[in-house]
Amino acid sequence: MMLLESVADYQAWRQAAPSSRIGFVPTMGALHVGHQGLIDQSVSEQDLTVLSIYVNPTQFDNADDLQQYPNRLEADLALARAAGVDAVFVPRYAEIYADGFTYAVDERRISKTLCGAHRDGHFTGVLTIVMKLLNIVRPAVAYFGEKDYQQFELIQGMARAFFLQTQIVACPTVREPSGLALSSRNLNLDTAGRSLAPRLYELINSAFSDAEVVRLLTELGFDVDYVVTQGERRFAAARLGKGANQVRLIDNVEKFFVDQIGNEQVSL
């Protein structure tokens, strides 16, 4: 497995395998089983798999969140190697944003809703870094998890709008036995938070209305950003903890639940 720390290093490596189909898994590190699922799909479907690890500062609307984001590079590299990754791209800010973030990719509709309504500039940072990485890596296919479904829709739309050659593929959310969606931020949950966090999935997966789910989560101690059903999915974002130690959780489920509450009861 090659560790590539500059665009020139990556381009030299890529040039040595010009005819190979590249699968790409972009991450911010702190890899878990969910990331491994993306890697496994790429390894099984493509000739070569590239993983990127880059904690992108332009997508953080909260400096504390950026500062607390887990950094586990050695463990990440070990997981990537064991999973069959061929190259890991670990770029530096000075090269990725040599323009000082003067140029950016902005979406004017979907990005202003759900997470975008609560995290100013977040998706501009996401789309900008993904566009940069896709242009550098030039993969045939890039893999993204459905947990960040709004992000997936935006990246897929960007690829279509700019006629990118990369196919954007969504992979199912990987969950703990409790139902909690795997996320790098779960590492920052304290004991009480770990106990409460699975209730987010339980409640958005219930027959309760969006408003009732908000009420129940709030009573449990969540600071709820939103619970919204759109089309065939219900989306939610909520925070656990206090102050700088607050952890933001997001999730979504397909809308297979009934529209009316009926007799279902959820205990607090």
C-alpha atoms as a PDB file:
ATOM      1  CA  MET A   1       0.000   0.000   0.000  1.00  0.00           C
ATOM      2  CA  MET A   2       1.357   3.399  -1.018  1.00  0.00           C
ATOM      3  CA  LEU A   3       1.123   6.472   1.219  1.00  0.00           C
ATOM      4  CA  LEU A   4       0.921   9.567  -0.988  1.00  0.00           C
ATOM      5  CA  GLU A   5       1.202  13.007   0.602  1.00  0.00           C
ATOM      6  CA  SER A   6       1.226  15.386  -2.365  1.00  0.00           C
ATOM      7  CA  VAL A   7      -0.665  15.827  -5.602  1.00  0.00           C
ATOM      8  CA  ALA A   8       2.540  15.197  -7.548  1.00  0.00           C
ATOM      9  CA  ASP A   9       3.096  11.911  -5.687  1.00  0.00           C
ATOM     10  CA  TYR A  10      -0.439  10.799  -6.463  1.00  0.00           C
ATOM     11  CA  GLN A  11      -0.194  11.782 -10.127  1.00  0.00           C
ATOM     12  CA  ALA A  12       3.054   9.835 -10.510  1.00  0.00           C
ATOM     13  CA  TRP A  13       1.449   6.762  -8.926  1.00  0.00           C
ATOM     14  CA  ARG A  14      -1.679   7.152 -11.087  1.00  0.00           C
ATOM     15  CA  GLN A  15       0.354   7.470 -14.256  1.00  0.00           C
ATOM     16  CA  ALA A  16       1.934   4.084 -13.586  1.00  0.00           C
ATOM     17  CA  ALA A  17      -1.525   2.469 -13.808  1.00  0.00           C
ATOM     18  CA  PRO A  18      -3.303   4.497 -16.511  1.00  0.00           C
ATOM     19  CA  SER A  19      -5.551   1.688 -17.753  1.00  0.00           C
ATOM     20  CA  SER A  20      -6.768   0.577 -14.329  1.00  0.00           C
ATOM     21  CA  ARG A  21     -10.259   1.384 -13.060  1.00  0.00           C
ATOM     22  CA  ILE A  22      -9.898   3.306  -9.808  1.00  0.00           C
ATOM     23  CA  GLY A  23     -12.390   3.092  -6.963  1.00  0.00           C
ATOM     24  CA  PHE A  24     -12.220   6.003  -4.539  1.00  0.00           C
ATOM     25  CA  VAL A  25     -13.297   6.290  -0.899  1.00  0.00           C
ATOM     26  CA  PRO A  26     -12.893   9.865   0.430  1.00  0.00           C
ATOM     27  CA  THR A  27     -12.816  10.109   4.242  1.00  0.00           C
ATOM     28  CA  MET A  28     -11.816  12.369   7.100  1.00  0.00           C
ATOM     29  CA  GLY A  29     -10.158   9.474   8.908  1.00  0.00           C
ATOM     30  CA  ALA A  30     -11.125   7.875  12.236  1.00  0.00           C
ATOM     31  CA  LEU A  31     -12.093   4.879  10.121  1.00  0.00           C
ATOM     32  CA  HIS A  32     -14.679   2.381  11.326  1.00  0.00           C
ATOM     33  CA  VAL A  33     -16.615  -0.620  10.009  1.00  0.00           C
ATOM     34  CA  GLY A  34     -18.817   1.673   7.932  1.00  0.00           C
ATOM     35  CA  HIS A  35     -15.785   2.969   6.047  1.00  0.00           C
ATOM     36  CA  GLN A  36     -14.558  -0.590   5.665  1.00  0.00           C
ATOM     37  CA  GLY A  37     -17.830  -1.445   3.928  1.00  0.00           C
ATOM     38  CA  LEU A  38     -17.144   1.272   1.348  1.00  0.00           C
ATOM     39  CA  ILE A  39     -13.588   0.026   0.909  1.00  0.00           C
ATOM     40  CA  ASP A  40     -14.733  -3.594   0.559  1.00  0.00           C
ATOM     41  CA  GLN A  41     -17.191  -2.662  -2.200  1.00  0.00           C
ATOM     42  CA  SER A  42     -14.515  -0.742  -4.073  1.00  0.00           C
ATOM     43  CA  VAL A  43     -11.957  -3.534  -3.711  1.00  0.00           C
ATOM     44  CA  SER A  44     -14.465  -6.093  -4.993  1.00  0.00           C
ATOM     45  CA  GLU A  45     -15.611  -3.984  -7.974  1.00  0.00           C
ATOM     46  CA  GLN A  46     -12.557  -2.017  -9.166  1.00  0.00           C
ATOM     47  CA  ASP A  47      -8.986  -2.767 -10.247  1.00  0.00           C
ATOM     48  CA  LEU A  48      -7.422  -0.441  -7.666  1.00  0.00           C
ATOM     49  CA  THR A  49      -8.789   1.324  -4.586  1.00  0.00           C
ATOM     50  CA  VAL A  50      -7.680   4.751  -3.372  1.00  0.00           C
ATOM     51  CA  LEU A  51      -8.600   6.056   0.079  1.00  0.00           C
ATOM     52  CA  SER A  52      -8.147   9.689   1.031  1.00  0.00           C
ATOM     53  CA  ILE A  53      -7.774  10.917   4.612  1.00  0.00           C
ATOM     54  CA  TYR A  54      -8.231  14.651   4.966  1.00  0.00           C
ATOM     55  CA  VAL A  55     -10.004  16.525   7.761  1.00  0.00           C
ATOM     56  CA  ASN A  56     -11.418  19.350   5.664  1.00  0.00           C
ATOM     57  CA  PRO A  57     -11.557  22.576   7.701  1.00  0.00           C
ATOM     58  CA  THR A  58     -13.760  24.453   5.227  1.00  0.00           C
ATOM     59  CA  GLN A  59     -16.789  22.266   6.012  1.00  0.00           C
ATOM     60  CA  PHE A  60     -16.742  22.920   9.771  1.00  0.00           C
ATOM     61  CA  ASP A  61     -18.982  25.710  10.998  1.00  0.00           C
ATOM     62  CA  ASN A  62     -17.813  25.172  14.576  1.00  0.00           C
ATOM     63  CA  ALA A  63     -14.142  25.529  15.545  1.00  0.00           C
ATOM     64  CA  ASP A  64     -14.628  23.250  18.576  1.00  0.00           C
ATOM     65  CA  ASP A  65     -16.003  20.492  16.349  1.00  0.00           C
ATOM     66  CA  LEU A  66     -12.949  20.712  14.095  1.00  0.00           C
ATOM     67  CA  GLN A  67     -10.577  20.688  17.056  1.00  0.00           C
ATOM     68  CA  GLN A  68     -12.237  17.645  18.586  1.00  0.00           C
ATOM     69  CA  TYR A  69     -12.459  15.601  15.396  1.00  0.00           C
ATOM     70  CA  PRO A  70     -10.655  12.283  16.075  1.00  0.00           C
ATOM     71  CA  ASN A  71      -7.147  11.852  14.653  1.00  0.00           C
ATOM     72  CA  ARG A  72      -6.087   8.191  14.388  1.00  0.00           C
ATOM     73  CA  LEU A  73      -3.842   8.109  11.342  1.00  0.00           C
ATOM     74  CA  GLU A  74      -1.752   5.054  12.279  1.00  0.00           C
ATOM     75  CA  ALA A  75      -4.850   2.985  13.079  1.00  0.00           C
ATOM     76  CA  ASP A  76      -6.489   4.228   9.880  1.00  0.00           C
ATOM     77  CA  LEU A  77      -3.517   3.159   7.784  1.00  0.00           C
ATOM     78  CA  ALA A  78      -3.516  -0.275   9.417  1.00  0.00           C
ATOM     79  CA  LEU A  79      -7.229  -0.746   8.651  1.00  0.00           C
ATOM     80  CA  ALA A  80      -6.753   0.425   5.074  1.00  0.00           C
ATOM     81  CA  ARG A  81      -3.835  -1.926   4.520  1.00  0.00           C
ATOM     82  CA  ALA A  82      -5.730  -4.900   5.937  1.00  0.00           C
ATOM     83  CA  ALA A  83      -8.786  -4.073   3.804  1.00  0.00           C
ATOM     84  CA  GLY A  84      -6.797  -4.148   0.572  1.00  0.00           C
ATOM     85  CA  VAL A  85      -6.460  -0.423  -0.218  1.00  0.00           C
ATOM     86  CA  ASP A  86      -3.794   0.184  -2.867  1.00  0.00           C
ATOM     87  CA  ALA A  87      -3.009   3.830  -2.106  1.00  0.00           C
ATOM     88  CA  VAL A  88      -3.846   6.286   0.663  1.00  0.00           C
ATOM     89  CA  PHE A  89      -3.822   9.964  -0.284  1.00  0.00           C
ATOM     90  CA  VAL A  90      -3.115  12.236   2.702  1.00  0.00           C
ATOM     91  CA  PRO A  91      -2.839  15.768   1.287  1.00  0.00           C
ATOM     92  CA  ARG A  92      -1.882  18.927   3.138  1.00  0.00           C
ATOM     93  CA  TYR A  93      -3.996  22.074   3.503  1.00  0.00           C
ATOM     94  CA  ALA A  94      -1.336  24.333   1.955  1.00  0.00           C
ATOM     95  CA  GLU A  95      -1.553  22.401  -1.304  1.00  0.00           C
ATOM     96  CA  ILE A  96      -5.267  21.608  -1.374  1.00  0.00           C
ATOM     97  CA  TYR A  97      -6.205  25.222  -0.628  1.00  0.00           C
ATOM     98  CA  ALA A  98      -3.285  27.011  -2.227  1.00  0.00           C
ATOM     99  CA  ASP A  99      -5.806  29.647  -3.343  1.00  0.00           C
ATOM    100  CA  GLY A 100      -6.854  30.292   0.266  1.00  0.00           C
ATOM    101  CA  PHE A 101     -10.366  28.947  -0.450  1.00  0.00           C
ATOM    102  CA  THR A 102     -10.968  31.810  -2.891  1.00  0.00           C
ATOM    103  CA  TYR A 103     -12.672  29.445  -5.327  1.00  0.00           C
ATOM    104  CA  ALA A 104     -15.549  27.304  -4.103  1.00  0.00           C
ATOM    105  CA  VAL A 105     -18.421  25.121  -5.319  1.00  0.00           C
ATOM    106  CA  ASP A 106     -21.815  26.315  -4.111  1.00  0.00           C
ATOM    107  CA  GLU A 107     -25.235  24.669  -4.530  1.00  0.00           C
ATOM    108  CA  ARG A 108     -28.243  26.960  -4.160  1.00  0.00           C
ATOM    109  CA  ARG A 109     -31.188  24.713  -3.300  1.00  0.00           C
ATOM    110  CA  ILE A 110     -30.744  21.357  -1.560  1.00  0.00           C
ATOM    111  CA  SER A 111     -27.756  22.592   0.449  1.00  0.00           C
ATOM    112  CA  LYS A 112     -29.872  25.256   2.144  1.00  0.00           C
ATOM    113  CA  THR A 113     -32.174  22.692   3.810  1.00  0.00           C
ATOM    114  CA  LEU A 114     -31.766  20.089   6.602  1.00  0.00           C
ATOM    115  CA  CYS A 115     -28.116  20.148   7.733  1.00  0.00           C
ATOM    116  CA  GLY A 116     -27.413  23.116   5.487  1.00  0.00           C
ATOM    117  CA  ALA A 117     -29.959  25.234   7.352  1.00  0.00           C
ATOM    118  CA  HIS A 118     -28.118  24.581  10.626  1.00  0.00           C
ATOM    119  CA  ARG A 119     -24.485  24.612   9.447  1.00  0.00           C
ATOM    120  CA  ASP A 120     -23.678  27.758   7.508  1.00  0.00           C
ATOM    121  CA  GLY A 121     -21.285  27.088   4.637  1.00  0.00           C
ATOM    122  CA  HIS A 122     -20.944  23.380   5.463  1.00  0.00           C
ATOM    123  CA  PHE A 123     -21.918  21.995   2.091  1.00  0.00           C
ATOM    124  CA  THR A 124     -19.910  24.585   0.182  1.00  0.00           C
ATOM    125  CA  GLY A 125     -16.872  23.191   1.984  1.00  0.00           C
ATOM    126  CA  VAL A 126     -17.947  19.603   1.293  1.00  0.00           C
ATOM    127  CA  LEU A 127     -18.607  20.119  -2.415  1.00  0.00           C
ATOM    128  CA  THR A 128     -15.402  22.091  -2.884  1.00  0.00           C
ATOM    129  CA  ILE A 129     -13.161  19.451  -1.328  1.00  0.00           C
ATOM    130  CA  VAL A 130     -14.917  16.588  -3.115  1.00  0.00           C
ATOM    131  CA  MET A 131     -14.566  18.379  -6.459  1.00  0.00           C
ATOM    132  CA  LYS A 132     -10.854  18.913  -5.786  1.00  0.00           C
ATOM    133  CA  LEU A 133     -10.321  15.280  -4.761  1.00  0.00           C
ATOM    134  CA  LEU A 134     -12.236  13.885  -7.734  1.00  0.00           C
ATOM    135  CA  ASN A 135     -10.173  16.031 -10.095  1.00  0.00           C
ATOM    136  CA  ILE A 136      -6.942  14.815  -8.483  1.00  0.00           C
ATOM    137  CA  VAL A 137      -7.799  11.124  -8.096  1.00  0.00           C
ATOM    138  CA  ARG A 138      -9.791  10.742 -11.356  1.00  0.00           C
ATOM    139  CA  PRO A 139     -11.621   7.617 -10.233  1.00  0.00           C
ATOM    140  CA  ALA A 140     -14.122   5.609 -12.264  1.00  0.00           C
ATOM    141  CA  VAL A 141     -16.330   5.289  -9.185  1.00  0.00           C
ATOM    142  CA  ALA A 142     -16.480   7.098  -5.831  1.00  0.00           C
ATOM    143  CA  TYR A 143     -18.255   5.515  -2.860  1.00  0.00           C
ATOM    144  CA  PHE A 144     -20.237   7.382  -0.193  1.00  0.00           C
ATOM    145  CA  GLY A 145     -22.307   6.168   2.762  1.00  0.00           C
ATOM    146  CA  GLU A 146     -26.081   6.665   2.920  1.00  0.00           C
ATOM    147  CA  LYS A 147     -25.845   7.949   6.497  1.00  0.00           C
ATOM    148  CA  ASP A 148     -24.925  11.312   4.983  1.00  0.00           C
ATOM    149  CA  TYR A 149     -27.717  11.025   2.425  1.00  0.00           C
ATOM    150  CA  GLN A 150     -28.117  14.759   1.823  1.00  0.00           C
ATOM    151  CA  GLN A 151     -24.383  14.951   1.173  1.00  0.00           C
ATOM    152  CA  PHE A 152     -24.628  12.017  -1.263  1.00  0.00           C
ATOM    153  CA  GLU A 153     -27.448  13.713  -3.181  1.00  0.00           C
ATOM    154  CA  LEU A 154     -25.471  16.942  -3.437  1.00  0.00           C
ATOM    155  CA  ILE A 155     -22.292  15.215  -4.626  1.00  0.00           C
ATOM    156  CA  GLN A 156     -24.223  13.143  -7.152  1.00  0.00           C
ATOM    157  CA  GLY A 157     -25.938  16.313  -8.409  1.00  0.00           C
ATOM    158  CA  MET A 158     -22.611  18.133  -8.635  1.00  0.00           C
ATOM    159  CA  ALA A 159     -21.115  15.307 -10.709  1.00  0.00           C
ATOM    160  CA  ARG A 160     -24.033  15.536 -13.138  1.00  0.00           C
ATOM    161  CA  ALA A 161     -24.062  19.337 -13.289  1.00  0.00           C
ATOM    162  CA  PHE A 162     -20.340  19.561 -14.100  1.00  0.00           C
ATOM    163  CA  PHE A 163     -20.267  16.505 -16.398  1.00  0.00           C
ATOM    164  CA  LEU A 164     -17.755  14.673 -14.231  1.00  0.00           C
ATOM    165  CA  GLN A 165     -16.768  11.233 -15.483  1.00  0.00           C
ATOM    166  CA  THR A 166     -16.887   9.666 -12.007  1.00  0.00           C
ATOM    167  CA  GLN A 167     -19.896   7.536 -11.050  1.00  0.00           C
ATOM    168  CA  ILE A 168     -21.141   8.407  -7.552  1.00  0.00           C
ATOM    169  CA  VAL A 169     -22.343   5.320  -5.668  1.00  0.00           C
ATOM    170  CA  ALA A 170     -24.215   5.167  -2.349  1.00  0.00           C
ATOM    171  CA  CYS A 171     -23.584   2.310   0.078  1.00  0.00           C
ATOM    172  CA  PRO A 172     -26.019   1.307   2.867  1.00  0.00           C
ATOM    173  CA  THR A 173     -25.577   2.740   6.362  1.00  0.00           C
ATOM    174  CA  VAL A 174     -23.723   0.390   8.695  1.00  0.00           C
ATOM    175  CA  ARG A 175     -25.148   0.245  12.221  1.00  0.00           C
ATOM    176  CA  GLU A 176     -24.206  -1.048  15.617  1.00  0.00           C
ATOM    177  CA  PRO A 177     -26.440  -3.825  17.044  1.00  0.00           C
ATOM    178  CA  SER A 178     -28.285  -1.048  18.914  1.00  0.00           C
ATOM    179  CA  GLY A 179     -29.193   0.598  15.600  1.00  0.00           C
ATOM    180  CA  LEU A 180     -26.855   3.566  16.063  1.00  0.00           C
ATOM    181  CA  ALA A 181     -25.342   4.576  12.722  1.00  0.00           C
ATOM    182  CA  LEU A 182     -21.576   4.198  12.758  1.00  0.00           C
ATOM    183  CA  SER A 183     -19.806   7.559  12.717  1.00  0.00           C
ATOM    184  CA  SER A 184     -16.330   8.806  13.553  1.00  0.00           C
ATOM    185  CA  ARG A 185     -17.967  11.303  15.926  1.00  0.00           C
ATOM    186  CA  ASN A 186     -19.352   8.436  18.037  1.00  0.00           C
ATOM    187  CA  LEU A 187     -15.857   8.223  19.532  1.00  0.00           C
ATOM    188  CA  ASN A 188     -16.539  11.541  21.273  1.00  0.00           C
ATOM    189  CA  LEU A 189     -19.699  10.376  23.048  1.00  0.00           C
ATOM    190  CA  ASP A 190     -19.420   9.973  26.813  1.00  0.00           C
ATOM    191  CA  THR A 191     -21.001   7.038  28.670  1.00  0.00           C
ATOM    192  CA  ALA A 192     -24.390   8.734  28.993  1.00  0.00           C
ATOM    193  CA  GLY A 193     -24.316   9.766  25.346  1.00  0.00           C
ATOM    194  CA  ARG A 194     -23.490   6.244  24.201  1.00  0.00           C
ATOM    195  CA  SER A 195     -26.510   4.996  26.096  1.00  0.00           C
ATOM    196  CA  LEU A 196     -28.886   7.602  24.648  1.00  0.00           C
ATOM    197  CA  ALA A 197     -27.607   7.824  21.078  1.00  0.00           C
ATOM    198  CA  PRO A 198     -29.394   4.701  19.727  1.00  0.00           C
ATOM    199  CA  ARG A 199     -32.747   6.270  20.612  1.00  0.00           C
ATOM    200  CA  LEU A 200     -32.350   8.601  17.631  1.00  0.00           C
ATOM    201  CA  TYR A 201     -32.591   5.704  15.177  1.00  0.00           C
ATOM    202  CA  GLU A 202     -35.301   3.993  17.222  1.00  0.00           C
ATOM    203  CA  LEU A 203     -37.556   7.044  17.165  1.00  0.00           C
ATOM    204  CA  ILE A 204     -37.061   8.140  13.551  1.00  0.00           C
ATOM    205  CA  ASN A 205     -37.763   4.522  12.596  1.00  0.00           C
ATOM    206  CA  SER A 206     -41.077   4.566  14.496  1.00  0.00           C
ATOM    207  CA  ALA A 207     -44.605   5.441  13.386  1.00  0.00           C
ATOM    208  CA  PHE A 208     -44.593   8.703  15.358  1.00  0.00           C
ATOM    209  CA  SER A 209     -44.947  11.964  13.453  1.00  0.00           C
ATOM    210  CA  ASP A 210     -41.938  14.200  12.954  1.00  0.00           C
ATOM    211  CA  ALA A 211     -43.206  16.580  15.630  1.00  0.00           C
ATOM    212  CA  GLU A 212     -43.724  13.748  18.124  1.00  0.00           C
ATOM    213  CA  VAL A 213     -40.217  12.431  17.476  1.00  0.00           C
ATOM    214  CA  VAL A 214     -38.802  15.895  18.154  1.00  0.00           C
ATOM    215  CA  ARG A 215     -40.752  16.077  21.411  1.00  0.00           C
ATOM    216  CA  LEU A 216     -39.627  12.642  22.583  1.00  0.00           C
ATOM    217  CA  LEU A 217     -35.980  13.228  21.690  1.00  0.00           C
ATOM    218  CA  THR A 218     -36.039  16.565  23.509  1.00  0.00           C
ATOM    219  CA  GLU A 219     -37.496  14.928  26.626  1.00  0.00           C
ATOM    220  CA  LEU A 220     -34.702  12.353  26.488  1.00  0.00           C
ATOM    221  CA  GLY A 221     -32.082  15.116  26.520  1.00  0.00           C
ATOM    222  CA  PHE A 222     -31.277  15.573  22.831  1.00  0.00           C
ATOM    223  CA  ASP A 223     -30.831  19.072  21.420  1.00  0.00           C
ATOM    224  CA  VAL A 224     -32.748  18.535  18.161  1.00  0.00           C
ATOM    225  CA  ASP A 225     -31.817  20.406  14.982  1.00  0.00           C
ATOM    226  CA  TYR A 226     -34.530  18.802  12.873  1.00  0.00           C
ATOM    227  CA  VAL A 227     -36.645  15.739  12.160  1.00  0.00           C
ATOM    228  CA  VAL A 228     -38.088  16.025   8.657  1.00  0.00           C
ATOM    229  CA  THR A 229     -39.740  13.564   6.312  1.00  0.00           C
ATOM    230  CA  GLN A 230     -39.055  14.309   2.651  1.00  0.00           C
ATOM    231  CA  GLY A 231     -40.203  11.993  -0.104  1.00  0.00           C
ATOM    232  CA  GLU A 232     -39.359   8.432   0.880  1.00  0.00           C
ATOM    233  CA  ARG A 233     -36.939   9.303   3.687  1.00  0.00           C
ATOM    234  CA  ARG A 234     -37.021  10.730   7.174  1.00  0.00           C
ATOM    235  CA  PHE A 235     -33.981  12.815   8.089  1.00  0.00           C
ATOM    236  CA  ALA A 236     -32.802  13.807  11.557  1.00  0.00           C
ATOM    237  CA  ALA A 237     -29.983  15.643  13.280  1.00  0.00           C
ATOM    238  CA  ALA A 238     -29.606  16.053  17.025  1.00  0.00           C
ATOM    239  CA  ARG A 239     -26.893  16.823  19.553  1.00  0.00           C
ATOM    240  CA  LEU A 240     -25.875  15.150  22.790  1.00  0.00           C
ATOM    241  CA  GLY A 241     -23.691  16.653  25.506  1.00  0.00           C
ATOM    242  CA  LYS A 242     -22.951  20.189  26.560  1.00  0.00           C
ATOM    243  CA  GLY A 243     -20.780  23.033  25.333  1.00  0.00           C
ATOM    244  CA  ALA A 244     -17.560  22.145  23.559  1.00  0.00           C
ATOM    245  CA  ASN A 245     -18.162  18.447  24.266  1.00  0.00           C
ATOM    246  CA  GLN A 246     -21.456  18.349  22.356  1.00  0.00           C
ATOM    247  CA  VAL A 247     -21.624  15.659  19.660  1.00  0.00           C
ATOM    248  CA  ARG A 248     -23.849  16.081  16.609  1.00  0.00           C
ATOM    249  CA  LEU A 249     -25.519  12.925  15.289  1.00  0.00           C
ATOM    250  CA  ILE A 250     -27.263  12.601  11.938  1.00  0.00           C
ATOM    251  CA  ASP A 251     -29.313   9.741  10.532  1.00  0.00           C
ATOM    252  CA  ASN A 252     -31.985   8.911   7.997  1.00  0.00           C
ATOM    253  CA  VAL A 253     -34.280   6.001   7.243  1.00  0.00           C
ATOM    254  CA  GLU A 254     -36.418   4.986   4.320  1.00  0.00           C
ATOM    255  CA  LYS A 255     -40.081   5.782   4.900  1.00  0.00           C
ATOM    256  CA  PHE A 256     -41.568   2.347   5.407  1.00  0.00           C
ATOM    257  CA  PHE A 257     -43.303   3.271   8.661  1.00  0.00           C
ATOM    258  CA  VAL A 258     -47.026   4.116   8.700  1.00  0.00           C
ATOM    259  CA  ASP A 259     -48.182   7.730   8.591  1.00  0.00           C
ATOM    260  CA  GLN A 260     -50.446   7.437  11.621  1.00  0.00           C
ATOM    261  CA  ILE A 261     -49.283   6.578  15.135  1.00  0.00           C
ATOM    262  CA  GLY A 262     -51.799   3.815  15.816  1.00  0.00           C
ATOM    263  CA  ASN A 263     -51.203   1.903  19.035  1.00  0.00           C
ATOM    264  CA  GLU A 264     -47.416   2.020  19.123  1.00  0.00           C
ATOM    265  CA  GLN A 265     -45.827   3.112  22.385  1.00  0.00           C
ATOM    266  CA  VAL A 266     -42.237   4.173  22.965  1.00  0.00           C
ATOM    267  CA  SER A 267     -41.083   4.278  26.575  1.00  0.00           C
ATOM    268  CA  LEU A 268     -38.805   7.031  27.801  1.00  0.00           C
END
